[in-house]
Protein backbone atom coordinates (compact mmCIF):
# COMPACT_ATOMS: atom_id res chain seq x y z
CA UNK A 1 106.24 157.22 8.88
CA UNK A 2 105.87 159.68 6.02
CA UNK A 3 102.42 160.51 4.71
CA UNK A 4 101.38 158.94 1.42
CA UNK A 5 100.98 160.97 -1.76
CA UNK A 6 97.22 160.41 -1.61
CA UNK A 7 97.07 161.76 1.94
CA UNK A 8 99.06 164.86 0.98
CA UNK A 9 96.77 165.47 -1.98
CA UNK A 10 93.68 165.07 0.20
CA UNK A 11 95.00 167.57 2.76
CA UNK A 12 95.90 170.02 -0.01
CA UNK A 13 92.39 169.71 -1.44
CA UNK A 14 90.87 170.32 1.98
CA UNK A 15 92.93 173.50 2.40
CA UNK A 16 91.93 174.73 -1.06
CA UNK A 17 88.25 174.08 -0.43
CA UNK A 18 88.39 175.79 2.97
CA UNK A 19 90.12 178.76 1.32
CA UNK A 20 87.50 178.94 -1.41
CA UNK A 21 84.68 179.11 1.14
CA UNK A 22 86.40 181.70 3.32
CA UNK A 23 87.50 183.93 0.45
CA UNK A 24 83.95 183.81 -0.93
CA UNK A 25 82.57 184.73 2.47
CA UNK A 26 85.04 187.40 3.62
CA UNK A 27 87.34 188.36 0.75
CA UNK A 28 91.08 187.80 0.43
CA UNK A 29 92.31 190.52 2.78
CA UNK A 30 89.98 189.53 5.63
CA UNK A 31 91.09 185.89 5.82
CA UNK A 32 94.25 184.90 7.71
CA UNK A 33 96.23 181.70 7.30
CA UNK A 34 95.24 180.77 10.87
CA UNK A 35 91.55 181.14 10.00
CA UNK A 36 92.01 179.20 6.79
CA UNK A 37 93.70 176.27 8.52
CA UNK A 38 91.16 176.27 11.34
CA UNK A 39 88.39 176.06 8.73
CA UNK A 40 90.18 173.05 7.24
CA UNK A 41 90.60 171.49 10.69
CA UNK A 42 94.38 171.69 10.49
CA UNK A 43 97.24 173.52 12.24
CA UNK A 44 98.96 176.56 10.78
CA UNK A 45 102.28 174.77 10.42
CA UNK A 46 100.84 172.40 7.85
CA UNK A 47 100.02 175.23 5.47
CA UNK A 48 103.58 175.73 4.29
CA UNK A 49 103.96 172.07 3.36
CA UNK A 50 101.52 172.79 0.53
CA UNK A 51 101.68 176.51 -0.29
CA UNK A 52 104.28 179.26 -0.22
CA UNK A 53 101.84 182.07 0.56
CA UNK A 54 98.19 183.00 0.99
CA UNK A 55 98.20 184.26 -2.58
CA UNK A 56 99.25 180.80 -3.79
CA UNK A 57 96.24 179.19 -2.15
CA UNK A 58 94.05 182.01 -3.49
CA UNK A 59 95.15 181.12 -7.03
CA UNK A 60 94.52 177.44 -6.35
CA UNK A 61 91.06 178.15 -4.90
CA UNK A 62 90.14 180.10 -8.03
CA UNK A 63 91.45 177.42 -10.37
CA UNK A 64 89.78 174.60 -8.45
CA UNK A 65 86.24 175.84 -9.05
CA UNK A 66 85.94 174.81 -12.70
CA UNK A 67 86.36 171.09 -12.06
CA UNK A 68 85.35 171.13 -8.38
CA UNK A 69 82.36 172.91 -6.92
CA UNK A 70 81.58 174.36 -10.34
CA UNK A 71 81.27 170.92 -11.88
CA UNK A 72 78.76 169.91 -9.20
CA UNK A 73 76.85 173.14 -9.80
CA UNK A 74 76.71 172.48 -13.59
CA UNK A 75 75.51 168.93 -13.04
CA UNK A 76 72.75 170.15 -10.74
CA UNK A 77 71.70 172.65 -13.43
CA UNK A 78 71.75 169.98 -16.16
CA UNK A 79 74.52 171.79 -18.07
CA UNK A 80 76.68 169.60 -20.33
CA UNK A 81 79.51 171.93 -21.43
CA UNK A 82 80.36 170.26 -24.76
CA UNK A 83 76.86 169.17 -25.82
CA UNK A 84 76.65 171.64 -28.69
CA UNK A 85 73.05 172.50 -27.82
CA UNK A 86 71.50 175.94 -27.38
CA UNK A 87 69.58 174.53 -24.42
CA UNK A 88 72.85 174.20 -22.48
CA UNK A 89 73.60 177.91 -22.93
CA UNK A 90 70.08 178.70 -21.71
CA UNK A 91 70.45 176.46 -18.66
CA UNK A 92 73.83 178.03 -17.85
CA UNK A 93 72.41 181.55 -17.96
CA UNK A 94 69.29 180.61 -15.98
CA UNK A 95 71.30 178.89 -13.27
CA UNK A 96 74.12 181.44 -13.10
CA UNK A 97 71.71 184.36 -12.80
CA UNK A 98 69.38 182.58 -10.41
CA UNK A 99 68.41 183.88 -6.99
CA UNK A 100 69.73 180.63 -5.53
CA UNK A 101 73.22 181.27 -6.92
CA UNK A 102 73.16 184.83 -5.61
CA UNK A 103 72.13 183.71 -2.13
CA UNK A 104 74.70 180.89 -1.85
CA UNK A 105 77.63 183.12 -0.89
CA UNK A 106 80.05 180.32 0.00
CA UNK A 107 79.42 178.45 -3.25
CA UNK A 108 79.31 181.38 -5.64
CA UNK A 109 81.51 181.33 -8.71
CA UNK A 110 84.87 183.01 -7.97
CA UNK A 111 84.34 185.21 -11.03
CA UNK A 112 81.70 186.95 -8.93
CA UNK A 113 83.15 186.60 -5.45
CA UNK A 114 86.79 187.43 -6.21
CA UNK A 115 86.51 190.17 -8.84
CA UNK A 116 87.85 193.10 -6.80
CA UNK A 117 90.40 190.97 -4.93
CA UNK A 118 91.85 189.60 -8.17
CA UNK A 119 92.34 193.11 -9.57
CA UNK A 120 94.78 193.78 -6.72
CA UNK A 121 96.46 190.36 -6.79
CA UNK A 122 99.56 189.11 -8.57
CA UNK A 123 99.93 187.44 -11.98
CA UNK A 124 99.38 183.89 -10.70
CA UNK A 125 95.97 184.74 -9.25
CA UNK A 126 95.00 186.77 -12.29
CA UNK A 127 96.00 183.91 -14.58
CA UNK A 128 93.79 181.46 -12.68
CA UNK A 129 90.90 183.95 -12.82
CA UNK A 130 91.40 184.45 -16.56
CA UNK A 131 91.42 180.69 -17.15
CA UNK A 132 88.15 180.32 -15.26
CA UNK A 133 86.67 183.19 -17.27
CA UNK A 134 87.81 181.59 -20.52
CA UNK A 135 86.24 178.32 -19.42
CA UNK A 136 82.86 180.04 -19.10
CA UNK A 137 83.27 181.76 -22.48
CA UNK A 138 84.17 178.42 -24.04
CA UNK A 139 81.06 176.76 -22.60
CA UNK A 140 78.89 179.37 -24.30
CA UNK A 141 80.85 179.19 -27.56
CA UNK A 142 80.33 175.43 -27.75
CA UNK A 143 76.58 175.72 -27.30
CA UNK A 144 75.55 178.85 -29.20
CA UNK A 145 74.47 178.83 -32.83
CA UNK A 146 76.06 180.71 -35.73
CA UNK A 147 79.49 181.17 -37.27
CA UNK A 148 82.59 181.03 -35.02
CA UNK A 149 83.19 184.79 -34.82
CA UNK A 150 79.57 185.46 -33.94
CA UNK A 151 79.57 182.74 -31.29
CA UNK A 152 82.76 184.07 -29.72
CA UNK A 153 81.46 187.64 -29.53
CA UNK A 154 78.13 186.60 -28.03
CA UNK A 155 79.83 184.15 -25.65
CA UNK A 156 82.03 186.95 -24.29
CA UNK A 157 79.05 189.26 -23.97
CA UNK A 158 77.00 186.62 -22.17
CA UNK A 159 79.85 185.92 -19.76
CA UNK A 160 80.32 189.63 -19.05
CA UNK A 161 76.59 190.11 -18.49
CA UNK A 162 76.28 187.11 -16.18
CA UNK A 163 79.33 187.94 -14.08
CA UNK A 164 78.83 191.70 -14.07
CA UNK A 165 75.17 191.50 -13.18
CA UNK A 166 75.89 189.20 -10.27
CA UNK A 167 78.83 191.28 -9.02
CA UNK A 168 76.52 194.31 -8.75
CA UNK A 169 73.73 192.26 -7.16
CA UNK A 170 76.17 190.76 -4.62
CA UNK A 171 77.36 194.26 -3.68
CA UNK A 172 73.82 195.23 -2.63
CA UNK A 173 72.60 192.17 -0.68
CA UNK A 174 68.96 191.96 0.31
CA UNK A 175 67.90 195.03 -1.67
CA UNK A 176 65.33 195.45 -4.41
CA UNK A 177 68.02 197.00 -6.58
CA UNK A 178 70.01 193.76 -6.45
CA UNK A 179 66.97 191.75 -7.46
CA UNK A 180 66.11 194.19 -10.26
CA UNK A 181 69.65 194.00 -11.64
CA UNK A 182 69.65 190.20 -11.53
CA UNK A 183 66.29 189.90 -13.29
CA UNK A 184 67.07 192.58 -15.89
CA UNK A 185 70.36 190.87 -16.73
CA UNK A 186 68.61 187.51 -17.03
CA UNK A 187 65.96 188.94 -19.37
CA UNK A 188 68.45 190.77 -21.60
CA UNK A 189 70.80 187.78 -21.80
CA UNK A 190 68.09 185.82 -23.59
CA UNK A 191 68.49 187.98 -26.71
CA UNK A 192 72.10 186.82 -27.07
CA UNK A 193 71.05 183.20 -27.55
CA UNK A 194 69.81 184.12 -31.03
CA UNK A 195 72.27 184.14 -33.93
CA UNK A 196 71.78 187.62 -35.44
CA UNK A 197 73.03 186.56 -38.92
CA UNK A 198 70.66 183.61 -39.11
CA UNK A 199 67.84 185.74 -37.74
CA UNK A 200 68.35 188.41 -40.42
CA UNK A 201 68.49 185.78 -43.16
CA UNK A 202 65.17 184.37 -42.00
């Protein structure tokens, strides 16, 4: 008896989530398909019913974060992406640059965890990474004040600061340098919440 569409989708989702956790923990090159399927509680043979290659599941794991684990994370932080409120940008920055986020290796945003792996990956993986990055920029754009061009520039800068600061901090786990970088980035990001045009006019 063939499996239902719902069953196939559930298994696919389980593989993607297992991949996301393992890639976060060990990086792309250090995870085998056997390890991935064992993490999902499945046999290796089932992998190819859903994906052509490990890079395919890597792209899917990256893409899944925005409306998967990332959505849960935003809800926990009280972030409503399209609220149009400066408070949402503040909550996003505070949560993203938190010590808790840094310490939760398996649940970290792929923008942090996959940065170096994505640079060596193919177009499909890079496209999924770019889409996730653009989703974060868009969240800031929707919730910052000021004219559209100013919001876009500050949204990109905030995204780069948040991701870049955490990439450096993750590279130096358990050190004072990592904590100093995280806190300095958090403090400096606060200045970008202010609309410089409106501030000058005042």
